[in-house]
Amino acid sequence: MADTLQGKTIAFVAAPEGTEQVELTEPWQAVERAGGTPKLLSTQPGSIQAFDHLEPADEFSVDDSVEAASVDDYDGLVLPGGVANPDILRTNPAVVRFVGEFFSRGLPVAAICHAPWTLIEADVVPGRRLTSWPSLRTDLINAGAEWVDEEVVVDNGLVTSRKPGDLQAFCAKMVEEFAEGKHAGQASGAAAAKT
């Protein structure tokens, strides 16, 4: 597994505050262990303040702003959870556009916990099978997704999990999908969602 992501760069998108730290750090380490290069993007330069549930945890340096970033430079996308993080991200037009471009190009995306809120805003969940933190169930169903209560769900390059307790399975599937590369079903699903 040490070189399965060799030469691949993975974008991690997080708001300036509110990201669940373990949902950032464990996938980040999984990308590094697989030989990939993770990059942290946010809505502004500087650093983000991660959280351990509702308590402030560590700060992490931002590599680039989402607005300045190009999807062309990345091979996959990770959206960590935390309640405030995706709630902030889904109100940012540059983030919504950036996330949507990964789908329209067929690139793999991994989202955990509350992160599918951002996927709803990007209009990429209709017809998709996915999971999330249980409180998003109704939101996802109303947005046209098939919601299931499973540890990890993979649907044509989209990897989702429910909570920090699912991270081991989430990271393994995420690395697998990033290694596979583009998924035609990812792009066709995004196109169908837009029509």
N, C-alpha and C. Protein backbone atom coordinates (compact mmCIF):
# COMPACT_ATOMS: atom_id res chain seq x y z
N MET A 1 0.83 -1.21 0.00
CA MET A 1 0.00 0.00 0.00
C MET A 1 0.87 1.26 0.00
N ALA A 2 2.17 1.10 0.22
CA ALA A 2 3.05 2.25 0.39
C ALA A 2 3.16 3.13 -0.85
N ASP A 3 2.85 2.61 -2.02
CA ASP A 3 3.01 3.43 -3.22
C ASP A 3 1.77 3.46 -4.11
N THR A 4 0.62 3.05 -3.59
CA THR A 4 -0.58 3.00 -4.43
C THR A 4 -1.04 4.38 -4.89
N LEU A 5 -0.67 5.43 -4.15
CA LEU A 5 -1.06 6.79 -4.56
C LEU A 5 0.14 7.62 -5.01
N GLN A 6 1.24 6.95 -5.32
CA GLN A 6 2.45 7.65 -5.78
C GLN A 6 2.11 8.56 -6.97
N GLY A 7 2.50 9.83 -6.88
CA GLY A 7 2.27 10.77 -7.96
C GLY A 7 0.89 11.41 -7.94
N LYS A 8 0.05 11.04 -6.97
CA LYS A 8 -1.30 11.61 -6.89
C LYS A 8 -1.37 12.67 -5.79
N THR A 9 -2.08 13.74 -6.07
CA THR A 9 -2.28 14.82 -5.11
C THR A 9 -3.76 14.87 -4.75
N ILE A 10 -4.03 14.85 -3.46
CA ILE A 10 -5.41 14.79 -2.97
C ILE A 10 -5.75 16.08 -2.23
N ALA A 11 -6.84 16.71 -2.62
CA ALA A 11 -7.31 17.94 -1.97
C ALA A 11 -8.14 17.59 -0.74
N PHE A 12 -7.87 18.27 0.35
CA PHE A 12 -8.68 18.21 1.56
C PHE A 12 -9.28 19.59 1.73
N VAL A 13 -10.60 19.71 1.72
CA VAL A 13 -11.24 21.02 1.84
C VAL A 13 -11.89 21.14 3.21
N ALA A 14 -11.51 22.20 3.92
CA ALA A 14 -12.02 22.42 5.28
C ALA A 14 -12.27 23.90 5.50
N ALA A 15 -13.28 24.22 6.28
CA ALA A 15 -13.59 25.59 6.64
C ALA A 15 -12.54 26.11 7.64
N PRO A 16 -12.45 27.43 7.82
CA PRO A 16 -11.48 27.98 8.76
C PRO A 16 -11.66 27.46 10.19
N GLU A 17 -12.86 27.03 10.53
CA GLU A 17 -13.06 26.40 11.84
C GLU A 17 -14.20 25.40 11.75
N GLY A 18 -14.20 24.46 12.71
CA GLY A 18 -15.31 23.52 12.80
C GLY A 18 -15.07 22.15 12.24
N THR A 19 -13.86 21.87 11.71
CA THR A 19 -13.56 20.55 11.18
C THR A 19 -13.26 19.58 12.32
N GLU A 20 -13.85 18.40 12.27
CA GLU A 20 -13.54 17.35 13.25
C GLU A 20 -12.11 16.87 12.98
N GLN A 21 -11.21 17.12 13.93
CA GLN A 21 -9.78 16.92 13.68
C GLN A 21 -9.44 15.51 13.21
N VAL A 22 -9.96 14.49 13.87
CA VAL A 22 -9.60 13.12 13.52
C VAL A 22 -10.07 12.75 12.11
N GLU A 23 -11.13 13.41 11.63
CA GLU A 23 -11.63 13.16 10.27
C GLU A 23 -10.80 13.89 9.21
N LEU A 24 -9.91 14.76 9.66
CA LEU A 24 -8.91 15.37 8.79
C LEU A 24 -7.59 14.60 8.87
N THR A 25 -7.13 14.34 10.10
CA THR A 25 -5.78 13.78 10.26
C THR A 25 -5.67 12.31 9.84
N GLU A 26 -6.66 11.49 10.15
CA GLU A 26 -6.54 10.07 9.79
C GLU A 26 -6.58 9.85 8.27
N PRO A 27 -7.51 10.47 7.53
CA PRO A 27 -7.46 10.34 6.07
C PRO A 27 -6.18 10.95 5.48
N TRP A 28 -5.72 12.04 6.04
CA TRP A 28 -4.48 12.69 5.59
C TRP A 28 -3.31 11.71 5.71
N GLN A 29 -3.19 11.08 6.87
CA GLN A 29 -2.12 10.10 7.11
C GLN A 29 -2.26 8.89 6.19
N ALA A 30 -3.50 8.49 5.90
CA ALA A 30 -3.72 7.35 5.00
C ALA A 30 -3.23 7.68 3.60
N VAL A 31 -3.46 8.91 3.14
CA VAL A 31 -2.97 9.34 1.83
C VAL A 31 -1.45 9.33 1.82
N GLU A 32 -0.84 9.86 2.87
CA GLU A 32 0.63 9.89 2.95
C GLU A 32 1.22 8.48 2.99
N ARG A 33 0.62 7.59 3.79
CA ARG A 33 1.11 6.21 3.89
C ARG A 33 1.03 5.49 2.54
N ALA A 34 0.05 5.89 1.72
CA ALA A 34 -0.11 5.27 0.40
C ALA A 34 0.76 5.94 -0.66
N GLY A 35 1.59 6.90 -0.25
CA GLY A 35 2.51 7.55 -1.17
C GLY A 35 1.97 8.78 -1.86
N GLY A 36 0.75 9.22 -1.50
CA GLY A 36 0.15 10.39 -2.11
C GLY A 36 0.56 11.68 -1.41
N THR A 37 0.18 12.80 -2.00
CA THR A 37 0.47 14.12 -1.44
C THR A 37 -0.84 14.81 -1.09
N PRO A 38 -1.15 14.96 0.20
CA PRO A 38 -2.35 15.69 0.58
C PRO A 38 -2.09 17.20 0.62
N LYS A 39 -3.08 17.98 0.24
CA LYS A 39 -3.00 19.45 0.30
C LYS A 39 -4.25 19.97 0.98
N LEU A 40 -4.08 20.89 1.92
CA LEU A 40 -5.21 21.46 2.65
C LEU A 40 -5.66 22.76 2.00
N LEU A 41 -6.91 22.79 1.59
CA LEU A 41 -7.52 23.98 1.00
C LEU A 41 -8.61 24.49 1.93
N SER A 42 -8.76 25.81 1.96
CA SER A 42 -9.82 26.40 2.78
C SER A 42 -10.36 27.63 2.05
N THR A 43 -11.29 28.30 2.68
CA THR A 43 -11.92 29.46 2.06
C THR A 43 -11.07 30.71 2.20
N GLN A 44 -10.01 30.62 3.01
CA GLN A 44 -9.09 31.74 3.16
C GLN A 44 -7.71 31.21 3.49
N PRO A 45 -6.65 31.98 3.20
CA PRO A 45 -5.31 31.52 3.50
C PRO A 45 -5.03 31.54 5.00
N GLY A 46 -3.88 31.01 5.38
CA GLY A 46 -3.50 31.02 6.80
C GLY A 46 -3.57 29.63 7.40
N SER A 47 -4.50 29.48 8.33
CA SER A 47 -4.65 28.17 8.99
C SER A 47 -6.11 27.93 9.33
N ILE A 48 -6.41 26.67 9.62
CA ILE A 48 -7.76 26.33 10.10
C ILE A 48 -7.66 25.88 11.55
N GLN A 49 -8.74 26.08 12.28
CA GLN A 49 -8.85 25.62 13.66
C GLN A 49 -9.71 24.36 13.67
N ALA A 50 -9.08 23.23 13.95
CA ALA A 50 -9.82 21.97 14.02
C ALA A 50 -10.43 21.82 15.42
N PHE A 51 -11.39 20.89 15.52
CA PHE A 51 -12.09 20.67 16.78
C PHE A 51 -12.13 19.19 17.13
N ASP A 52 -12.17 18.92 18.41
CA ASP A 52 -12.45 17.58 18.92
C ASP A 52 -13.85 17.67 19.50
N HIS A 53 -14.83 17.31 18.68
CA HIS A 53 -16.25 17.53 18.96
C HIS A 53 -16.48 19.03 19.09
N LEU A 54 -16.78 19.54 20.29
CA LEU A 54 -17.05 20.98 20.43
C LEU A 54 -15.87 21.75 21.02
N GLU A 55 -14.78 21.06 21.30
CA GLU A 55 -13.61 21.70 21.91
C GLU A 55 -12.55 22.01 20.86
N PRO A 56 -11.98 23.23 20.86
CA PRO A 56 -10.90 23.53 19.93
C PRO A 56 -9.74 22.55 20.11
N ALA A 57 -9.17 22.11 19.00
CA ALA A 57 -8.03 21.18 19.03
C ALA A 57 -6.84 21.90 18.40
N ASP A 58 -6.22 21.30 17.38
CA ASP A 58 -5.02 21.88 16.77
C ASP A 58 -5.35 22.79 15.59
N GLU A 59 -4.35 23.60 15.22
CA GLU A 59 -4.45 24.40 14.01
C GLU A 59 -3.61 23.75 12.92
N PHE A 60 -4.05 23.90 11.67
CA PHE A 60 -3.36 23.32 10.53
C PHE A 60 -3.17 24.38 9.46
N SER A 61 -1.97 24.42 8.87
CA SER A 61 -1.66 25.41 7.84
C SER A 61 -2.36 25.08 6.53
N VAL A 62 -2.90 26.10 5.91
CA VAL A 62 -3.60 25.97 4.63
C VAL A 62 -2.59 26.07 3.49
N ASP A 63 -2.67 25.16 2.53
CA ASP A 63 -1.77 25.19 1.37
C ASP A 63 -2.25 26.15 0.29
N ASP A 64 -3.56 26.31 0.16
CA ASP A 64 -4.11 27.17 -0.89
C ASP A 64 -5.56 27.48 -0.56
N SER A 65 -6.06 28.56 -1.15
CA SER A 65 -7.49 28.84 -1.01
C SER A 65 -8.25 28.09 -2.09
N VAL A 66 -9.47 27.72 -1.79
CA VAL A 66 -10.29 27.01 -2.78
C VAL A 66 -10.48 27.88 -4.01
N GLU A 67 -10.67 29.16 -3.79
CA GLU A 67 -10.92 30.08 -4.91
C GLU A 67 -9.75 30.10 -5.89
N ALA A 68 -8.52 29.99 -5.37
CA ALA A 68 -7.33 30.04 -6.23
C ALA A 68 -6.96 28.66 -6.80
N ALA A 69 -7.52 27.61 -6.23
CA ALA A 69 -7.15 26.25 -6.61
C ALA A 69 -7.82 25.82 -7.92
N SER A 70 -7.17 24.90 -8.61
CA SER A 70 -7.73 24.32 -9.84
C SER A 70 -7.89 22.81 -9.65
N VAL A 71 -9.04 22.30 -10.02
CA VAL A 71 -9.29 20.86 -9.93
C VAL A 71 -8.27 20.09 -10.78
N ASP A 72 -7.74 20.72 -11.82
CA ASP A 72 -6.74 20.08 -12.68
C ASP A 72 -5.52 19.61 -11.91
N ASP A 73 -5.25 20.22 -10.76
CA ASP A 73 -4.06 19.89 -9.98
C ASP A 73 -4.26 18.73 -9.01
N TYR A 74 -5.47 18.15 -8.99
CA TYR A 74 -5.79 17.13 -7.99
C TYR A 74 -6.36 15.86 -8.61
N ASP A 75 -6.11 14.77 -7.91
CA ASP A 75 -6.58 13.45 -8.35
C ASP A 75 -7.74 12.92 -7.52
N GLY A 76 -8.11 13.63 -6.47
CA GLY A 76 -9.19 13.22 -5.60
C GLY A 76 -9.47 14.29 -4.57
N LEU A 77 -10.59 14.13 -3.87
CA LEU A 77 -11.04 15.12 -2.89
C LEU A 77 -11.52 14.43 -1.62
N VAL A 78 -11.11 14.98 -0.48
CA VAL A 78 -11.61 14.53 0.82
C VAL A 78 -12.35 15.68 1.49
N LEU A 79 -13.55 15.39 1.97
CA LEU A 79 -14.34 16.35 2.73
C LEU A 79 -14.51 15.81 4.15
N PRO A 80 -13.72 16.32 5.11
CA PRO A 80 -13.89 15.89 6.50
C PRO A 80 -15.20 16.44 7.07
N GLY A 81 -15.60 15.87 8.19
CA GLY A 81 -16.84 16.30 8.81
C GLY A 81 -16.65 17.33 9.92
N GLY A 82 -17.47 17.19 10.95
CA GLY A 82 -17.63 18.24 11.95
C GLY A 82 -18.90 18.97 11.58
N VAL A 83 -19.67 19.41 12.54
CA VAL A 83 -20.96 20.03 12.23
C VAL A 83 -20.79 21.38 11.54
N ALA A 84 -19.96 22.26 12.10
CA ALA A 84 -19.83 23.62 11.56
C ALA A 84 -19.11 23.64 10.22
N ASN A 85 -18.14 22.76 10.04
CA ASN A 85 -17.31 22.77 8.83
C ASN A 85 -18.14 22.71 7.54
N PRO A 86 -18.92 21.66 7.29
CA PRO A 86 -19.68 21.62 6.04
C PRO A 86 -20.79 22.66 5.98
N ASP A 87 -21.27 23.10 7.15
CA ASP A 87 -22.31 24.13 7.14
C ASP A 87 -21.73 25.45 6.62
N ILE A 88 -20.47 25.72 6.95
CA ILE A 88 -19.79 26.91 6.42
C ILE A 88 -19.48 26.71 4.94
N LEU A 89 -18.93 25.54 4.59
CA LEU A 89 -18.51 25.29 3.22
C LEU A 89 -19.66 25.36 2.23
N ARG A 90 -20.83 24.86 2.62
CA ARG A 90 -21.93 24.80 1.65
C ARG A 90 -22.51 26.16 1.30
N THR A 91 -22.12 27.20 2.06
CA THR A 91 -22.58 28.55 1.75
C THR A 91 -21.56 29.32 0.91
N ASN A 92 -20.45 28.67 0.55
CA ASN A 92 -19.40 29.33 -0.21
C ASN A 92 -19.47 28.89 -1.67
N PRO A 93 -19.81 29.80 -2.59
CA PRO A 93 -19.97 29.42 -4.00
C PRO A 93 -18.71 28.79 -4.61
N ALA A 94 -17.52 29.27 -4.22
CA ALA A 94 -16.27 28.71 -4.78
C ALA A 94 -16.11 27.25 -4.35
N VAL A 95 -16.46 26.93 -3.12
CA VAL A 95 -16.37 25.55 -2.63
C VAL A 95 -17.36 24.67 -3.36
N VAL A 96 -18.59 25.14 -3.48
CA VAL A 96 -19.65 24.35 -4.15
C VAL A 96 -19.25 24.07 -5.59
N ARG A 97 -18.70 25.07 -6.30
CA ARG A 97 -18.23 24.88 -7.67
C ARG A 97 -17.09 23.88 -7.72
N PHE A 98 -16.12 24.03 -6.80
CA PHE A 98 -14.94 23.16 -6.75
C PHE A 98 -15.35 21.71 -6.53
N VAL A 99 -16.22 21.47 -5.58
CA VAL A 99 -16.71 20.11 -5.30
C VAL A 99 -17.43 19.55 -6.52
N GLY A 100 -18.29 20.33 -7.12
CA GLY A 100 -19.04 19.88 -8.29
C GLY A 100 -18.14 19.50 -9.45
N GLU A 101 -17.02 20.20 -9.61
CA GLU A 101 -16.09 19.90 -10.71
C GLU A 101 -15.45 18.53 -10.55
N PHE A 102 -15.19 18.10 -9.32
CA PHE A 102 -14.63 16.77 -9.12
C PHE A 102 -15.59 15.72 -9.67
N PHE A 103 -16.87 15.91 -9.42
CA PHE A 103 -17.88 14.96 -9.90
C PHE A 103 -18.00 15.02 -11.42
N SER A 104 -18.08 16.22 -11.98
CA SER A 104 -18.27 16.32 -13.43
C SER A 104 -17.08 15.77 -14.20
N ARG A 105 -15.91 15.72 -13.57
CA ARG A 105 -14.71 15.17 -14.22
C ARG A 105 -14.49 13.70 -13.89
N GLY A 106 -15.39 13.12 -13.09
CA GLY A 106 -15.28 11.70 -12.77
C GLY A 106 -14.22 11.38 -11.73
N LEU A 107 -13.77 12.37 -10.99
CA LEU A 107 -12.72 12.15 -10.00
C LEU A 107 -13.30 11.64 -8.68
N PRO A 108 -12.57 10.77 -7.98
CA PRO A 108 -13.08 10.21 -6.73
C PRO A 108 -13.18 11.25 -5.61
N VAL A 109 -14.23 11.10 -4.81
CA VAL A 109 -14.50 12.00 -3.69
C VAL A 109 -14.84 11.16 -2.46
N ALA A 110 -14.30 11.56 -1.30
CA ALA A 110 -14.59 10.88 -0.04
C ALA A 110 -15.14 11.90 0.95
N ALA A 111 -16.29 11.61 1.54
CA ALA A 111 -16.95 12.53 2.47
C ALA A 111 -17.44 11.75 3.69
N ILE A 112 -17.15 12.29 4.88
CA ILE A 112 -17.50 11.59 6.10
C ILE A 112 -18.33 12.47 7.03
N CYS A 113 -19.19 11.82 7.79
CA CYS A 113 -19.95 12.45 8.87
C CYS A 113 -20.95 13.47 8.32
N HIS A 114 -20.77 14.77 8.64
CA HIS A 114 -21.68 15.81 8.16
C HIS A 114 -21.29 16.36 6.79
N ALA A 115 -20.16 15.92 6.23
CA ALA A 115 -19.66 16.47 4.97
C ALA A 115 -20.65 16.36 3.80
N PRO A 116 -21.51 15.34 3.74
CA PRO A 116 -22.45 15.30 2.61
C PRO A 116 -23.38 16.52 2.50
N TRP A 117 -23.47 17.36 3.53
CA TRP A 117 -24.21 18.62 3.38
C TRP A 117 -23.65 19.40 2.19
N THR A 118 -22.33 19.43 2.06
CA THR A 118 -21.71 20.15 0.96
C THR A 118 -22.04 19.49 -0.37
N LEU A 119 -22.12 18.15 -0.37
CA LEU A 119 -22.49 17.44 -1.60
C LEU A 119 -23.92 17.78 -2.03
N ILE A 120 -24.81 17.94 -1.06
CA ILE A 120 -26.19 18.33 -1.38
C ILE A 120 -26.19 19.68 -2.10
N GLU A 121 -25.43 20.63 -1.55
CA GLU A 121 -25.38 21.97 -2.13
C GLU A 121 -24.79 21.96 -3.54
N ALA A 122 -23.85 21.05 -3.78
CA ALA A 122 -23.25 20.92 -5.11
C ALA A 122 -24.15 20.15 -6.08
N ASP A 123 -25.29 19.68 -5.59
CA ASP A 123 -26.29 18.98 -6.41
C ASP A 123 -25.73 17.73 -7.07
N VAL A 124 -24.99 16.92 -6.27
CA VAL A 124 -24.38 15.71 -6.82
C VAL A 124 -24.88 14.43 -6.16
N VAL A 125 -25.91 14.54 -5.30
CA VAL A 125 -26.38 13.33 -4.62
C VAL A 125 -27.62 12.66 -5.23
N PRO A 126 -28.38 13.29 -6.12
CA PRO A 126 -29.55 12.59 -6.67
C PRO A 126 -29.16 11.26 -7.32
N GLY A 127 -29.87 10.20 -6.91
CA GLY A 127 -29.64 8.88 -7.46
C GLY A 127 -28.43 8.16 -6.90
N ARG A 128 -27.71 8.79 -5.97
CA ARG A 128 -26.52 8.17 -5.41
C ARG A 128 -26.87 7.43 -4.12
N ARG A 129 -26.14 6.34 -3.85
CA ARG A 129 -26.28 5.57 -2.60
C ARG A 129 -25.15 6.01 -1.68
N LEU A 130 -25.50 6.49 -0.48
CA LEU A 130 -24.47 6.98 0.43
C LEU A 130 -24.93 6.93 1.87
N THR A 131 -23.98 7.21 2.77
CA THR A 131 -24.28 7.28 4.19
C THR A 131 -23.72 8.58 4.74
N SER A 132 -24.00 8.84 6.02
CA SER A 132 -23.58 10.08 6.66
C SER A 132 -23.86 9.95 8.16
N TRP A 133 -23.56 11.02 8.88
CA TRP A 133 -24.03 11.11 10.25
C TRP A 133 -25.55 11.00 10.21
N PRO A 134 -26.17 10.25 11.12
CA PRO A 134 -27.61 9.97 11.01
C PRO A 134 -28.51 11.19 10.89
N SER A 135 -28.12 12.33 11.45
CA SER A 135 -29.01 13.50 11.40
C SER A 135 -29.15 14.08 9.99
N LEU A 136 -28.29 13.67 9.05
CA LEU A 136 -28.39 14.15 7.67
C LEU A 136 -29.29 13.27 6.80
N ARG A 137 -29.77 12.17 7.37
CA ARG A 137 -30.56 11.20 6.61
C ARG A 137 -31.69 11.87 5.83
N THR A 138 -32.53 12.63 6.50
CA THR A 138 -33.69 13.25 5.85
C THR A 138 -33.24 14.25 4.80
N ASP A 139 -32.20 15.04 5.08
CA ASP A 139 -31.69 16.01 4.11
C ASP A 139 -31.25 15.30 2.83
N LEU A 140 -30.53 14.19 3.00
CA LEU A 140 -30.02 13.46 1.84
C LEU A 140 -31.15 12.80 1.04
N ILE A 141 -32.10 12.22 1.74
CA ILE A 141 -33.25 11.61 1.05
C ILE A 141 -34.03 12.68 0.30
N ASN A 142 -34.26 13.83 0.94
CA ASN A 142 -34.97 14.93 0.29
C ASN A 142 -34.22 15.46 -0.93
N ALA A 143 -32.88 15.30 -0.93
CA ALA A 143 -32.06 15.76 -2.06
C ALA A 143 -31.97 14.70 -3.15
N GLY A 144 -32.62 13.53 -2.94
CA GLY A 144 -32.67 12.51 -3.99
C GLY A 144 -31.71 11.36 -3.83
N ALA A 145 -31.02 11.28 -2.69
CA ALA A 145 -30.08 10.18 -2.46
C ALA A 145 -30.77 8.98 -1.82
N GLU A 146 -30.14 7.82 -1.97
CA GLU A 146 -30.56 6.64 -1.22
C GLU A 146 -29.64 6.56 -0.01
N TRP A 147 -30.17 6.81 1.18
CA TRP A 147 -29.36 6.84 2.41
C TRP A 147 -29.40 5.47 3.06
N VAL A 148 -28.22 4.97 3.47
CA VAL A 148 -28.13 3.69 4.16
C VAL A 148 -27.28 3.86 5.42
N ASP A 149 -27.54 3.03 6.42
CA ASP A 149 -26.80 3.08 7.67
C ASP A 149 -25.73 1.99 7.64
N GLU A 150 -24.60 2.30 7.01
CA GLU A 150 -23.49 1.36 6.87
C GLU A 150 -22.18 2.06 7.18
N GLU A 151 -21.18 1.26 7.57
CA GLU A 151 -19.88 1.79 7.95
C GLU A 151 -19.21 2.58 6.84
N VAL A 152 -19.23 2.04 5.65
CA VAL A 152 -18.67 2.74 4.49
C VAL A 152 -19.47 2.32 3.26
N VAL A 153 -19.73 3.29 2.39
CA VAL A 153 -20.49 3.04 1.16
C VAL A 153 -19.68 3.61 0.00
N VAL A 154 -19.56 2.82 -1.07
CA VAL A 154 -18.87 3.27 -2.28
C VAL A 154 -19.88 3.23 -3.43
N ASP A 155 -19.99 4.35 -4.13
CA ASP A 155 -20.91 4.45 -5.27
C ASP A 155 -20.19 5.19 -6.40
N ASN A 156 -19.63 4.43 -7.36
CA ASN A 156 -18.98 5.02 -8.54
C ASN A 156 -17.98 6.12 -8.19
N GLY A 157 -17.07 5.84 -7.27
CA GLY A 157 -16.04 6.81 -6.93
C GLY A 157 -16.37 7.72 -5.77
N LEU A 158 -17.59 7.66 -5.26
CA LEU A 158 -17.97 8.44 -4.07
C LEU A 158 -17.92 7.51 -2.86
N VAL A 159 -17.07 7.86 -1.89
CA VAL A 159 -16.93 7.09 -0.65
C VAL A 159 -17.52 7.90 0.49
N THR A 160 -18.43 7.30 1.25
CA THR A 160 -19.00 7.99 2.41
C THR A 160 -18.98 7.09 3.64
N SER A 161 -18.86 7.72 4.80
CA SER A 161 -18.95 7.03 6.08
C SER A 161 -19.69 7.91 7.07
N ARG A 162 -20.07 7.29 8.22
CA ARG A 162 -20.97 7.96 9.16
C ARG A 162 -20.30 8.79 10.23
N LYS A 163 -19.13 8.34 10.74
CA LYS A 163 -18.61 8.93 11.98
C LYS A 163 -17.14 8.54 12.17
N PRO A 164 -16.47 9.14 13.17
CA PRO A 164 -15.06 8.79 13.43
C PRO A 164 -14.83 7.30 13.65
N GLY A 165 -15.78 6.60 14.22
CA GLY A 165 -15.63 5.17 14.43
C GLY A 165 -15.52 4.36 13.15
N ASP A 166 -15.88 4.97 12.02
CA ASP A 166 -15.82 4.31 10.71
C ASP A 166 -14.52 4.62 9.96
N LEU A 167 -13.61 5.37 10.58
CA LEU A 167 -12.46 5.88 9.84
C LEU A 167 -11.56 4.81 9.23
N GLN A 168 -11.38 3.71 9.90
CA GLN A 168 -10.51 2.66 9.35
C GLN A 168 -11.05 2.17 8.00
N ALA A 169 -12.33 1.86 7.95
CA ALA A 169 -12.96 1.40 6.71
C ALA A 169 -13.00 2.53 5.68
N PHE A 170 -13.29 3.73 6.13
CA PHE A 170 -13.37 4.91 5.25
C PHE A 170 -12.02 5.15 4.57
N CYS A 171 -10.96 5.16 5.35
CA CYS A 171 -9.62 5.42 4.79
C CYS A 171 -9.20 4.34 3.80
N ALA A 172 -9.49 3.09 4.11
CA ALA A 172 -9.10 1.99 3.21
C ALA A 172 -9.81 2.13 1.86
N LYS A 173 -11.12 2.38 1.88
CA LYS A 173 -11.89 2.50 0.64
C LYS A 173 -11.52 3.76 -0.12
N MET A 174 -11.27 4.84 0.63
CA MET A 174 -10.88 6.10 0.02
C MET A 174 -9.59 5.93 -0.78
N VAL A 175 -8.58 5.31 -0.17
CA VAL A 175 -7.30 5.09 -0.85
C VAL A 175 -7.51 4.20 -2.08
N GLU A 176 -8.34 3.19 -1.94
CA GLU A 176 -8.63 2.29 -3.06
C GLU A 176 -9.24 3.05 -4.24
N GLU A 177 -10.21 3.91 -3.95
CA GLU A 177 -10.88 4.67 -5.03
C GLU A 177 -9.93 5.70 -5.64
N PHE A 178 -9.11 6.35 -4.82
CA PHE A 178 -8.13 7.31 -5.36
C PHE A 178 -7.14 6.60 -6.26
N ALA A 179 -6.73 5.39 -5.87
CA ALA A 179 -5.78 4.61 -6.68
C ALA A 179 -6.38 4.22 -8.02
N GLU A 180 -7.67 3.91 -8.03
CA GLU A 180 -8.35 3.53 -9.28
C GLU A 180 -8.45 4.70 -10.25
N GLY A 181 -8.54 5.91 -9.71
CA GLY A 181 -8.61 7.10 -10.56
C GLY A 181 -10.02 7.44 -10.98
N LYS A 182 -10.16 7.96 -12.20
CA LYS A 182 -11.45 8.45 -12.67
C LYS A 182 -12.49 7.32 -12.74
N HIS A 183 -13.74 7.70 -12.47
CA HIS A 183 -14.87 6.77 -12.52
C HIS A 183 -15.92 7.37 -13.44
N ALA A 184 -16.20 6.70 -14.53
CA ALA A 184 -17.18 7.23 -15.48
C ALA A 184 -18.53 7.44 -14.83
N GLY A 185 -18.91 6.57 -13.89
CA GLY A 185 -20.19 6.69 -13.21
C GLY A 185 -20.30 7.95 -12.36
N GLN A 186 -19.16 8.44 -11.88
CA GLN A 186 -19.14 9.67 -11.10
C GLN A 186 -19.57 10.84 -11.99
N ALA A 187 -19.00 10.93 -13.17
CA ALA A 187 -19.31 12.01 -14.08
C ALA A 187 -20.73 11.90 -14.61
N SER A 188 -21.17 10.68 -14.97
CA SER A 188 -22.52 10.54 -15.52
C SER A 188 -23.57 10.84 -14.45
N GLY A 189 -23.27 10.48 -13.20
CA GLY A 189 -24.19 10.80 -12.11
C GLY A 189 -24.33 12.30 -11.91
N ALA A 190 -23.19 13.02 -12.01
CA ALA A 190 -23.22 14.48 -11.86
C ALA A 190 -24.00 15.11 -13.00
N ALA A 191 -23.81 14.61 -14.20
CA ALA A 191 -24.54 15.16 -15.36
C ALA A 191 -26.03 14.92 -15.23
N ALA A 192 -26.40 13.73 -14.74
CA ALA A 192 -27.82 13.42 -14.57
C ALA A 192 -28.44 14.31 -13.50
N ALA A 193 -27.67 14.63 -12.47
CA ALA A 193 -28.18 15.48 -11.41
C ALA A 193 -28.47 16.90 -11.91
N LYS A 194 -27.75 17.33 -12.94
CA LYS A 194 -27.91 18.70 -13.44
C LYS A 194 -29.06 18.83 -14.44
N THR A 195 -29.57 17.69 -14.95
CA THR A 195 -30.62 17.79 -15.96
C THR A 195 -31.99 17.72 -15.34
